[in-house]
Structure formats: C-alpha cells, structure tokens
Amino acid sequence: MKLAKTEKVYLVIDLKKMELIFKLKGAKIWSYNFKASVVDTNLLTDFQEEFLEDNSTDFRPLKDAHLFAAKKQTPDSILQIVSKVSNVSVDLLQREFPERFQLLWDNGLIIDFRTDLTGTQETDPFKNKIIEVRQALSSFGETVLNIYVPHEPALTLFRAADPGLPTMIYPR
C-alpha cells in the first residue's frame, strides 16, 4: 500500500505467476510472463527467501543494473533530431536492444537476463570481466536467478530499471 500511494513506478516480481510487473499507484502498467532458465525450483525459493530476509520494509530498492551486451540500433545523430522535435530527453530514447543484462539488489541478489539477440557487442569488455570475476569469487554469497526475455520486453525492463527502483516480491 505504501508504494501504491506514491507517484513512483515500482517493480513486482511475482514468483507464483512467474511474472515481472511494473506498477504505478497500484495499477499494472507493464508486465511480462517469464520462465526461469533454471529448472531447479529451489533457486526460486532461495531467491525469495534472500529477498525477504532481514528486510524491515516490504520492498527493496534496486542497487544497480548492468548491460553486458547489446545490439546497436539508432545512431545518436538521429536521436538528437528526434529529441529536439519531440521535446524528449535524448537519454530516454532507444540506443540499443539489450542481449544480456543484470539487475542487482543488496545481499547478493541478482537476476541475469538473456535475450534472443545474436551478433551483439559487449558494452564494456573490461568492466564485464571484472563483474563476472567478482561474482565468481563471491558466488557462495550470491543468489542468481537466470531469466530468458525476448529483446523487445527486455528493452522496456532494462530502460525502466534505474538504481533506486522500488522492488517487491510476491512469494511462490
């Protein structure tokens, strides 16, 4: 109810219906039914328990989002023109379709999203390696949920996933 009374968009991870939902004032404004890439339902339970553990509030803010690879789409020069004509910030306009990205919360909670794109470019190979090595070294303290999402819903999900995004989970 706290989030529904605010003017902020928030993310709901519904593990029972396997659905990702963006809500505003309690109303669903976007959703996607997903299938966990991992067959092990214990991982879903672990993710849920870690998300809800030792949390004094009903939601967690998103800590970070990292784009590993993407397919370039619209050149920046065209986006500048569209931005001026439509009076929309160029930062909000599409630059690329994500191929792989992660959403991260405190306590080592990570959702790793993969899409159906091929022929993509790594966004920052050095930073990607650092993140992957860091995650490999701390794999015992992290809970990673792997989810496949087609590239079009992935674009919406990645673009809306700003650090601080309130996130809540509906348990299984």
N, C-alpha and C. Protein backbone atom coordinates (compact mmCIF):
# COMPACT_ATOMS: atom_id res chain seq x y z
N MET A 1 0.82 -1.20 0.00
CA MET A 1 0.00 0.00 0.00
C MET A 1 0.86 1.26 0.00
N LYS A 2 2.04 1.17 0.65
CA LYS A 2 2.92 2.33 0.69
C LYS A 2 3.32 2.75 -0.73
N LEU A 3 3.71 1.77 -1.52
CA LEU A 3 4.14 2.08 -2.89
C LEU A 3 2.97 2.54 -3.75
N ALA A 4 1.80 1.97 -3.54
CA ALA A 4 0.63 2.34 -4.34
C ALA A 4 0.21 3.78 -4.08
N LYS A 5 0.58 4.33 -2.94
CA LYS A 5 0.22 5.70 -2.60
C LYS A 5 1.23 6.72 -3.12
N THR A 6 2.34 6.24 -3.67
CA THR A 6 3.36 7.16 -4.16
C THR A 6 3.15 7.43 -5.65
N GLU A 7 3.94 8.34 -6.16
CA GLU A 7 3.91 8.68 -7.59
C GLU A 7 5.01 7.94 -8.34
N LYS A 8 5.64 6.94 -7.69
CA LYS A 8 6.77 6.24 -8.28
C LYS A 8 6.34 4.94 -8.94
N VAL A 9 6.99 4.64 -10.05
CA VAL A 9 6.84 3.32 -10.67
C VAL A 9 7.64 2.35 -9.82
N TYR A 10 7.11 1.15 -9.65
CA TYR A 10 7.83 0.12 -8.90
C TYR A 10 7.69 -1.22 -9.62
N LEU A 11 8.65 -2.10 -9.33
CA LEU A 11 8.72 -3.41 -9.95
C LEU A 11 8.22 -4.47 -8.98
N VAL A 12 7.39 -5.36 -9.49
CA VAL A 12 6.92 -6.50 -8.71
C VAL A 12 7.42 -7.76 -9.40
N ILE A 13 8.05 -8.64 -8.64
CA ILE A 13 8.47 -9.94 -9.13
C ILE A 13 7.51 -10.95 -8.53
N ASP A 14 6.59 -11.45 -9.35
CA ASP A 14 5.58 -12.41 -8.89
C ASP A 14 6.09 -13.82 -9.22
N LEU A 15 6.63 -14.50 -8.21
CA LEU A 15 7.20 -15.82 -8.43
C LEU A 15 6.14 -16.91 -8.55
N LYS A 16 4.95 -16.64 -8.06
CA LYS A 16 3.87 -17.62 -8.18
C LYS A 16 3.36 -17.69 -9.62
N LYS A 17 3.16 -16.51 -10.22
CA LYS A 17 2.67 -16.45 -11.61
C LYS A 17 3.81 -16.35 -12.61
N MET A 18 5.08 -16.29 -12.11
CA MET A 18 6.26 -16.12 -12.96
C MET A 18 6.07 -14.90 -13.87
N GLU A 19 5.88 -13.75 -13.23
CA GLU A 19 5.58 -12.53 -13.96
C GLU A 19 6.39 -11.36 -13.39
N LEU A 20 6.89 -10.52 -14.28
CA LEU A 20 7.53 -9.26 -13.92
C LEU A 20 6.52 -8.17 -14.23
N ILE A 21 6.30 -7.27 -13.29
CA ILE A 21 5.24 -6.27 -13.43
C ILE A 21 5.75 -4.90 -13.01
N PHE A 22 5.53 -3.90 -13.83
CA PHE A 22 5.73 -2.52 -13.41
C PHE A 22 4.36 -1.98 -13.03
N LYS A 23 4.31 -1.35 -11.85
CA LYS A 23 3.06 -0.78 -11.36
C LYS A 23 3.26 0.69 -11.02
N LEU A 24 2.17 1.42 -11.13
CA LEU A 24 2.13 2.82 -10.73
C LEU A 24 0.82 3.02 -10.00
N LYS A 25 0.89 3.49 -8.76
CA LYS A 25 -0.30 3.69 -7.93
C LYS A 25 -1.14 2.42 -7.84
N GLY A 26 -0.50 1.28 -7.80
CA GLY A 26 -1.19 0.01 -7.67
C GLY A 26 -1.72 -0.56 -8.97
N ALA A 27 -1.63 0.20 -10.05
CA ALA A 27 -2.14 -0.26 -11.35
C ALA A 27 -1.01 -0.86 -12.18
N LYS A 28 -1.28 -1.96 -12.83
CA LYS A 28 -0.30 -2.60 -13.70
C LYS A 28 -0.16 -1.77 -14.97
N ILE A 29 1.09 -1.34 -15.27
CA ILE A 29 1.31 -0.56 -16.48
C ILE A 29 2.15 -1.32 -17.50
N TRP A 30 2.77 -2.43 -17.05
CA TRP A 30 3.56 -3.27 -17.96
C TRP A 30 3.77 -4.60 -17.27
N SER A 31 3.76 -5.69 -18.05
CA SER A 31 4.05 -7.00 -17.45
C SER A 31 4.63 -7.94 -18.49
N TYR A 32 5.33 -8.93 -17.99
CA TYR A 32 5.88 -9.97 -18.85
C TYR A 32 5.92 -11.27 -18.06
N ASN A 33 5.31 -12.31 -18.63
CA ASN A 33 5.38 -13.65 -18.02
C ASN A 33 6.68 -14.29 -18.45
N PHE A 34 7.46 -14.74 -17.49
CA PHE A 34 8.77 -15.30 -17.78
C PHE A 34 8.83 -16.76 -17.36
N LYS A 35 9.84 -17.42 -17.89
CA LYS A 35 10.16 -18.76 -17.46
C LYS A 35 11.60 -18.72 -16.97
N ALA A 36 11.81 -19.21 -15.77
CA ALA A 36 13.17 -19.24 -15.24
C ALA A 36 13.99 -20.20 -16.09
N SER A 37 15.18 -19.80 -16.46
CA SER A 37 16.05 -20.64 -17.27
C SER A 37 16.54 -21.85 -16.48
N VAL A 38 16.50 -21.72 -15.18
CA VAL A 38 16.98 -22.79 -14.31
C VAL A 38 15.79 -23.66 -13.92
N VAL A 39 15.93 -24.96 -14.09
CA VAL A 39 14.85 -25.89 -13.77
C VAL A 39 14.69 -26.04 -12.26
N ASP A 40 15.75 -25.82 -11.51
CA ASP A 40 15.77 -26.01 -10.07
C ASP A 40 14.86 -25.00 -9.38
N THR A 41 13.71 -25.47 -8.91
CA THR A 41 12.78 -24.57 -8.23
C THR A 41 13.31 -24.14 -6.86
N ASN A 42 14.32 -24.86 -6.36
CA ASN A 42 14.94 -24.44 -5.10
C ASN A 42 15.60 -23.07 -5.24
N LEU A 43 16.10 -22.77 -6.44
CA LEU A 43 16.71 -21.47 -6.68
C LEU A 43 15.69 -20.35 -6.55
N LEU A 44 14.48 -20.58 -7.05
CA LEU A 44 13.41 -19.59 -6.90
C LEU A 44 13.10 -19.37 -5.42
N THR A 45 13.07 -20.47 -4.68
CA THR A 45 12.81 -20.39 -3.24
C THR A 45 13.94 -19.65 -2.53
N ASP A 46 15.19 -19.96 -2.90
CA ASP A 46 16.34 -19.28 -2.30
C ASP A 46 16.30 -17.78 -2.59
N PHE A 47 15.98 -17.43 -3.84
CA PHE A 47 15.90 -16.02 -4.22
C PHE A 47 14.83 -15.32 -3.38
N GLN A 48 13.68 -15.95 -3.26
CA GLN A 48 12.57 -15.39 -2.49
C GLN A 48 12.97 -15.20 -1.02
N GLU A 49 13.57 -16.22 -0.44
CA GLU A 49 13.95 -16.14 0.98
C GLU A 49 15.00 -15.06 1.21
N GLU A 50 15.98 -14.97 0.33
CA GLU A 50 17.01 -13.94 0.46
C GLU A 50 16.42 -12.55 0.28
N PHE A 51 15.48 -12.42 -0.64
CA PHE A 51 14.86 -11.12 -0.90
C PHE A 51 14.08 -10.65 0.33
N LEU A 52 13.38 -11.57 0.98
CA LEU A 52 12.52 -11.21 2.11
C LEU A 52 13.25 -11.22 3.45
N GLU A 53 14.44 -11.81 3.51
CA GLU A 53 15.17 -11.97 4.76
C GLU A 53 15.66 -10.64 5.32
N ASP A 54 15.52 -10.50 6.63
CA ASP A 54 16.03 -9.34 7.36
C ASP A 54 15.68 -8.01 6.70
N ASN A 55 14.52 -7.92 6.15
CA ASN A 55 14.11 -6.69 5.49
C ASN A 55 13.06 -6.00 6.35
N SER A 56 13.36 -4.80 6.80
CA SER A 56 12.45 -4.08 7.68
C SER A 56 11.32 -3.40 6.90
N THR A 57 11.40 -3.43 5.59
CA THR A 57 10.36 -2.83 4.76
C THR A 57 9.83 -3.88 3.79
N ASP A 58 8.75 -3.58 3.12
CA ASP A 58 8.12 -4.53 2.22
C ASP A 58 8.77 -4.55 0.84
N PHE A 59 9.70 -3.67 0.60
CA PHE A 59 10.34 -3.63 -0.72
C PHE A 59 11.83 -3.35 -0.56
N ARG A 60 12.56 -3.63 -1.63
CA ARG A 60 14.00 -3.34 -1.70
C ARG A 60 14.24 -2.42 -2.88
N PRO A 61 15.11 -1.44 -2.72
CA PRO A 61 15.47 -0.62 -3.87
C PRO A 61 16.49 -1.36 -4.74
N LEU A 62 16.36 -1.20 -6.03
CA LEU A 62 17.33 -1.77 -6.96
C LEU A 62 18.66 -1.07 -6.75
N LYS A 63 19.72 -1.85 -6.59
CA LYS A 63 21.04 -1.29 -6.34
C LYS A 63 21.71 -0.84 -7.63
N ASP A 64 21.60 -1.69 -8.68
CA ASP A 64 22.29 -1.38 -9.92
C ASP A 64 21.71 -2.21 -11.07
N ALA A 65 21.96 -1.77 -12.27
CA ALA A 65 21.64 -2.52 -13.49
C ALA A 65 22.88 -2.44 -14.37
N HIS A 66 23.28 -3.58 -14.91
CA HIS A 66 24.48 -3.59 -15.75
C HIS A 66 24.17 -4.25 -17.08
N LEU A 67 24.48 -3.56 -18.17
CA LEU A 67 24.30 -4.07 -19.52
C LEU A 67 25.61 -4.71 -19.98
N PHE A 68 25.58 -6.01 -20.25
CA PHE A 68 26.78 -6.72 -20.70
C PHE A 68 26.96 -6.65 -22.21
N ALA A 69 25.86 -6.82 -22.95
CA ALA A 69 25.95 -6.82 -24.41
C ALA A 69 24.64 -6.30 -24.99
N ALA A 70 24.77 -5.65 -26.15
CA ALA A 70 23.59 -5.08 -26.79
C ALA A 70 23.82 -4.96 -28.29
N LYS A 71 22.72 -4.81 -29.00
CA LYS A 71 22.77 -4.60 -30.45
C LYS A 71 22.42 -3.14 -30.72
N LYS A 72 23.34 -2.44 -31.34
CA LYS A 72 23.12 -1.02 -31.64
C LYS A 72 21.96 -0.87 -32.61
N GLN A 73 21.18 0.18 -32.40
CA GLN A 73 20.03 0.42 -33.27
C GLN A 73 20.10 1.79 -33.92
N THR A 74 19.64 2.78 -33.23
CA THR A 74 19.51 4.11 -33.80
C THR A 74 20.77 4.94 -33.56
N PRO A 75 21.36 5.52 -34.59
CA PRO A 75 22.54 6.37 -34.41
C PRO A 75 22.21 7.60 -33.55
N ASP A 76 23.19 8.06 -32.77
CA ASP A 76 22.99 9.21 -31.89
C ASP A 76 22.59 10.46 -32.65
N SER A 77 23.07 10.62 -33.87
CA SER A 77 22.73 11.83 -34.65
C SER A 77 21.22 11.89 -34.92
N ILE A 78 20.63 10.76 -35.22
CA ILE A 78 19.19 10.71 -35.46
C ILE A 78 18.43 10.91 -34.16
N LEU A 79 18.93 10.34 -33.07
CA LEU A 79 18.28 10.51 -31.77
C LEU A 79 18.27 11.97 -31.34
N GLN A 80 19.33 12.71 -31.67
CA GLN A 80 19.39 14.14 -31.35
C GLN A 80 18.26 14.90 -32.06
N ILE A 81 18.04 14.57 -33.33
CA ILE A 81 16.99 15.22 -34.11
C ILE A 81 15.62 14.88 -33.53
N VAL A 82 15.39 13.60 -33.28
CA VAL A 82 14.11 13.16 -32.71
C VAL A 82 13.89 13.81 -31.34
N SER A 83 14.94 13.92 -30.55
CA SER A 83 14.85 14.53 -29.23
C SER A 83 14.38 15.98 -29.31
N LYS A 84 14.95 16.72 -30.25
CA LYS A 84 14.57 18.13 -30.40
C LYS A 84 13.14 18.28 -30.90
N VAL A 85 12.76 17.45 -31.86
CA VAL A 85 11.41 17.54 -32.44
C VAL A 85 10.35 17.12 -31.42
N SER A 86 10.62 16.05 -30.69
CA SER A 86 9.61 15.53 -29.77
C SER A 86 9.71 16.12 -28.36
N ASN A 87 10.73 16.93 -28.12
CA ASN A 87 10.94 17.55 -26.81
C ASN A 87 11.08 16.49 -25.71
N VAL A 88 11.79 15.42 -26.04
CA VAL A 88 12.07 14.33 -25.10
C VAL A 88 13.58 14.23 -24.95
N SER A 89 14.03 14.05 -23.72
CA SER A 89 15.46 13.93 -23.48
C SER A 89 16.05 12.78 -24.29
N VAL A 90 17.23 13.02 -24.87
CA VAL A 90 17.89 12.01 -25.69
C VAL A 90 18.23 10.78 -24.85
N ASP A 91 18.42 10.95 -23.54
CA ASP A 91 18.73 9.83 -22.66
C ASP A 91 17.59 8.82 -22.58
N LEU A 92 16.37 9.26 -22.83
CA LEU A 92 15.22 8.37 -22.75
C LEU A 92 14.94 7.63 -24.05
N LEU A 93 15.62 8.00 -25.11
CA LEU A 93 15.37 7.38 -26.40
C LEU A 93 16.21 6.13 -26.58
N GLN A 94 15.73 5.22 -27.39
CA GLN A 94 16.38 3.92 -27.61
C GLN A 94 17.72 4.07 -28.32
N ARG A 95 18.73 3.43 -27.78
CA ARG A 95 20.04 3.39 -28.42
C ARG A 95 20.38 1.98 -28.83
N GLU A 96 19.99 1.00 -28.03
CA GLU A 96 20.34 -0.38 -28.32
C GLU A 96 19.33 -1.33 -27.70
N PHE A 97 19.29 -2.53 -28.27
CA PHE A 97 18.48 -3.60 -27.68
C PHE A 97 19.40 -4.44 -26.80
N PRO A 98 19.03 -4.67 -25.54
CA PRO A 98 19.89 -5.47 -24.68
C PRO A 98 19.90 -6.94 -25.08
N GLU A 99 21.08 -7.56 -25.02
CA GLU A 99 21.22 -9.00 -25.25
C GLU A 99 21.40 -9.72 -23.92
N ARG A 100 22.15 -9.10 -23.02
CA ARG A 100 22.32 -9.65 -21.67
C ARG A 100 22.49 -8.49 -20.70
N PHE A 101 21.75 -8.56 -19.59
CA PHE A 101 21.91 -7.56 -18.55
C PHE A 101 21.54 -8.16 -17.20
N GLN A 102 21.96 -7.49 -16.15
CA GLN A 102 21.66 -7.95 -14.81
C GLN A 102 21.03 -6.82 -13.99
N LEU A 103 20.11 -7.22 -13.11
CA LEU A 103 19.58 -6.33 -12.10
C LEU A 103 20.13 -6.83 -10.77
N LEU A 104 20.61 -5.91 -9.93
CA LEU A 104 21.27 -6.28 -8.68
C LEU A 104 20.64 -5.55 -7.51
N TRP A 105 20.43 -6.31 -6.42
CA TRP A 105 19.96 -5.77 -5.16
C TRP A 105 20.99 -6.07 -4.09
N ASP A 106 20.85 -5.48 -2.91
CA ASP A 106 21.73 -5.79 -1.80
C ASP A 106 21.65 -7.27 -1.45
N ASN A 107 22.60 -7.72 -0.66
CA ASN A 107 22.70 -9.12 -0.20
C ASN A 107 23.00 -10.09 -1.33
N GLY A 108 23.59 -9.62 -2.43
CA GLY A 108 23.99 -10.52 -3.50
C GLY A 108 22.85 -11.09 -4.31
N LEU A 109 21.72 -10.42 -4.36
CA LEU A 109 20.59 -10.87 -5.18
C LEU A 109 20.75 -10.33 -6.59
N ILE A 110 20.73 -11.24 -7.57
CA ILE A 110 20.94 -10.87 -8.97
C ILE A 110 19.94 -11.61 -9.85
N ILE A 111 19.35 -10.88 -10.79
CA ILE A 111 18.62 -11.54 -11.87
C ILE A 111 19.42 -11.28 -13.13
N ASP A 112 19.83 -12.36 -13.78
CA ASP A 112 20.61 -12.30 -15.00
C ASP A 112 19.66 -12.55 -16.17
N PHE A 113 19.46 -11.55 -17.01
CA PHE A 113 18.53 -11.64 -18.13
C PHE A 113 19.31 -11.91 -19.42
N ARG A 114 18.82 -12.87 -20.19
CA ARG A 114 19.36 -13.17 -21.51
C ARG A 114 18.22 -13.00 -22.50
N THR A 115 18.56 -12.55 -23.73
CA THR A 115 17.53 -12.36 -24.75
C THR A 115 17.83 -13.21 -25.96
N ASP A 116 17.01 -13.06 -26.99
CA ASP A 116 17.10 -13.86 -28.21
C ASP A 116 18.01 -13.22 -29.26
N LEU A 117 18.70 -12.15 -28.93
CA LEU A 117 19.53 -11.47 -29.92
C LEU A 117 20.86 -12.19 -30.13
N THR A 118 21.36 -12.09 -31.34
CA THR A 118 22.69 -12.59 -31.67
C THR A 118 23.44 -11.48 -32.39
N GLY A 119 24.74 -11.61 -32.50
CA GLY A 119 25.54 -10.61 -33.19
C GLY A 119 25.63 -9.30 -32.44
N THR A 120 25.61 -9.38 -31.12
CA THR A 120 25.67 -8.17 -30.31
C THR A 120 27.11 -7.81 -29.97
N GLN A 121 27.27 -6.62 -29.42
CA GLN A 121 28.59 -6.15 -28.99
C GLN A 121 28.60 -6.03 -27.48
N GLU A 122 29.74 -6.41 -26.88
CA GLU A 122 29.90 -6.17 -25.45
C GLU A 122 29.95 -4.67 -25.22
N THR A 123 29.30 -4.21 -24.17
CA THR A 123 29.27 -2.78 -23.90
C THR A 123 30.59 -2.27 -23.33
N ASP A 124 31.19 -3.03 -22.43
CA ASP A 124 32.46 -2.67 -21.82
C ASP A 124 33.16 -3.97 -21.41
N PRO A 125 33.91 -4.58 -22.32
CA PRO A 125 34.52 -5.89 -22.05
C PRO A 125 35.32 -5.95 -20.75
N PHE A 126 36.08 -4.91 -20.45
CA PHE A 126 36.88 -4.91 -19.23
C PHE A 126 36.00 -4.93 -17.97
N LYS A 127 35.02 -4.04 -17.94
CA LYS A 127 34.10 -3.98 -16.79
C LYS A 127 33.30 -5.27 -16.68
N ASN A 128 32.87 -5.83 -17.82
CA ASN A 128 32.14 -7.10 -17.81
C ASN A 128 32.96 -8.19 -17.14
N LYS A 129 34.24 -8.29 -17.49
CA LYS A 129 35.12 -9.32 -16.90
C LYS A 129 35.28 -9.10 -15.41
N ILE A 130 35.45 -7.86 -15.00
CA ILE A 130 35.58 -7.57 -13.58
C ILE A 130 34.34 -8.00 -12.82
N ILE A 131 33.17 -7.69 -13.35
CA ILE A 131 31.91 -8.08 -12.70
C ILE A 131 31.79 -9.60 -12.65
N GLU A 132 32.10 -10.27 -13.76
CA GLU A 132 31.99 -11.73 -13.79
C GLU A 132 32.97 -12.39 -12.82
N VAL A 133 34.19 -11.87 -12.73
CA VAL A 133 35.17 -12.43 -11.79
C VAL A 133 34.72 -12.18 -10.36
N ARG A 134 34.28 -10.97 -10.08
CA ARG A 134 33.79 -10.64 -8.73
C ARG A 134 32.64 -11.57 -8.34
N GLN A 135 31.72 -11.81 -9.26
CA GLN A 135 30.59 -12.70 -8.97
C GLN A 135 31.04 -14.14 -8.79
N ALA A 136 32.02 -14.57 -9.58
CA ALA A 136 32.54 -15.94 -9.44
C ALA A 136 33.22 -16.12 -8.08
N LEU A 137 33.96 -15.11 -7.64
CA LEU A 137 34.65 -15.20 -6.36
C LEU A 137 33.69 -15.17 -5.17
N SER A 138 32.59 -14.48 -5.33
CA SER A 138 31.64 -14.39 -4.22
C SER A 138 30.38 -15.20 -4.49
N SER A 139 30.49 -16.23 -5.33
CA SER A 139 29.30 -16.99 -5.74
C SER A 139 28.59 -17.66 -4.57
N PHE A 140 29.31 -17.90 -3.47
CA PHE A 140 28.66 -18.53 -2.33
C PHE A 140 27.73 -17.57 -1.60
N GLY A 141 27.94 -16.27 -1.78
CA GLY A 141 27.10 -15.30 -1.11
C GLY A 141 26.06 -14.67 -2.00
N GLU A 142 25.98 -15.12 -3.25
CA GLU A 142 25.03 -14.52 -4.18
C GLU A 142 23.97 -15.52 -4.59
N THR A 143 22.80 -15.01 -4.86
CA THR A 143 21.72 -15.82 -5.39
C THR A 143 21.39 -15.25 -6.76
N VAL A 144 21.69 -16.02 -7.80
CA VAL A 144 21.49 -15.55 -9.17
C VAL A 144 20.34 -16.32 -9.80
N LEU A 145 19.37 -15.58 -10.28
CA LEU A 145 18.23 -16.16 -10.98
C LEU A 145 18.41 -15.83 -12.45
N ASN A 146 18.41 -16.84 -13.32
CA ASN A 146 18.59 -16.63 -14.76
C ASN A 146 17.22 -16.64 -15.43
N ILE A 147 16.95 -15.60 -16.21
CA ILE A 147 15.64 -15.47 -16.87
C ILE A 147 15.85 -15.12 -18.34
N TYR A 148 15.13 -15.82 -19.20
CA TYR A 148 15.11 -15.51 -20.63
C TYR A 148 13.96 -14.54 -20.90
N VAL A 149 14.26 -13.48 -21.65
CA VAL A 149 13.25 -12.49 -22.03
C VAL A 149 13.51 -12.12 -23.49
N PRO A 150 12.50 -12.12 -24.36
CA PRO A 150 12.72 -11.63 -25.73
C PRO A 150 13.23 -10.19 -25.69
N HIS A 151 13.92 -9.78 -26.76
CA HIS A 151 14.60 -8.49 -26.73
C HIS A 151 13.67 -7.28 -26.60
N GLU A 152 12.46 -7.35 -27.11
CA GLU A 152 11.57 -6.19 -27.02
C GLU A 152 11.11 -5.90 -25.59
N PRO A 153 10.59 -6.92 -24.85
CA PRO A 153 10.29 -6.63 -23.44
C PRO A 153 11.55 -6.35 -22.62
N ALA A 154 12.67 -6.93 -23.02
CA ALA A 154 13.93 -6.67 -22.30
C ALA A 154 14.31 -5.20 -22.39
N LEU A 155 14.04 -4.58 -23.52
CA LEU A 155 14.34 -3.15 -23.70
C LEU A 155 13.57 -2.33 -22.67
N THR A 156 12.28 -2.59 -22.52
CA THR A 156 11.47 -1.87 -21.55
C THR A 156 11.98 -2.12 -20.14
N LEU A 157 12.23 -3.37 -19.83
CA LEU A 157 12.68 -3.74 -18.49
C LEU A 157 14.01 -3.06 -18.14
N PHE A 158 14.97 -3.13 -19.05
CA PHE A 158 16.28 -2.54 -18.77
C PHE A 158 16.20 -1.02 -18.65
N ARG A 159 15.47 -0.37 -19.55
CA ARG A 159 15.38 1.09 -19.54
C ARG A 159 14.66 1.62 -18.29
N ALA A 160 13.73 0.86 -17.76
CA ALA A 160 12.98 1.32 -16.58
C ALA A 160 13.70 0.96 -15.27
N ALA A 161 14.71 0.13 -15.34
CA ALA A 161 15.38 -0.38 -14.14
C ALA A 161 16.50 0.56 -13.70
N ASP A 162 16.13 1.69 -13.17
CA ASP A 162 17.11 2.65 -12.65
C ASP A 162 17.46 2.31 -11.21
N PRO A 163 18.69 2.55 -10.81
CA PRO A 163 19.03 2.34 -9.40
C PRO A 163 18.06 3.10 -8.49
N GLY A 164 17.65 2.44 -7.43
CA GLY A 164 16.67 3.01 -6.51
C GLY A 164 15.25 2.56 -6.80
N LEU A 165 15.02 1.90 -7.95
CA LEU A 165 13.67 1.44 -8.31
C LEU A 165 13.14 0.55 -7.18
N PRO A 166 12.03 0.94 -6.55
CA PRO A 166 11.46 0.08 -5.51
C PRO A 166 11.02 -1.26 -6.12
N THR A 167 11.37 -2.34 -5.46
CA THR A 167 11.06 -3.68 -5.94
C THR A 167 10.45 -4.49 -4.81
N MET A 168 9.37 -5.16 -5.12
CA MET A 168 8.78 -6.08 -4.15
C MET A 168 8.59 -7.44 -4.78
N ILE A 169 8.43 -8.44 -3.96
CA ILE A 169 8.31 -9.80 -4.45
C ILE A 169 7.03 -10.42 -3.91
N TYR A 170 6.33 -11.12 -4.80
CA TYR A 170 5.18 -11.92 -4.38
C TYR A 170 5.70 -13.34 -4.29
N PRO A 171 5.66 -13.94 -3.11
CA PRO A 171 6.25 -15.28 -2.95
C PRO A 171 5.48 -16.37 -3.69
N ARG A 172 6.18 -17.51 -3.85
CA ARG A 172 5.60 -18.69 -4.52
C ARG A 172 4.48 -19.28 -3.69
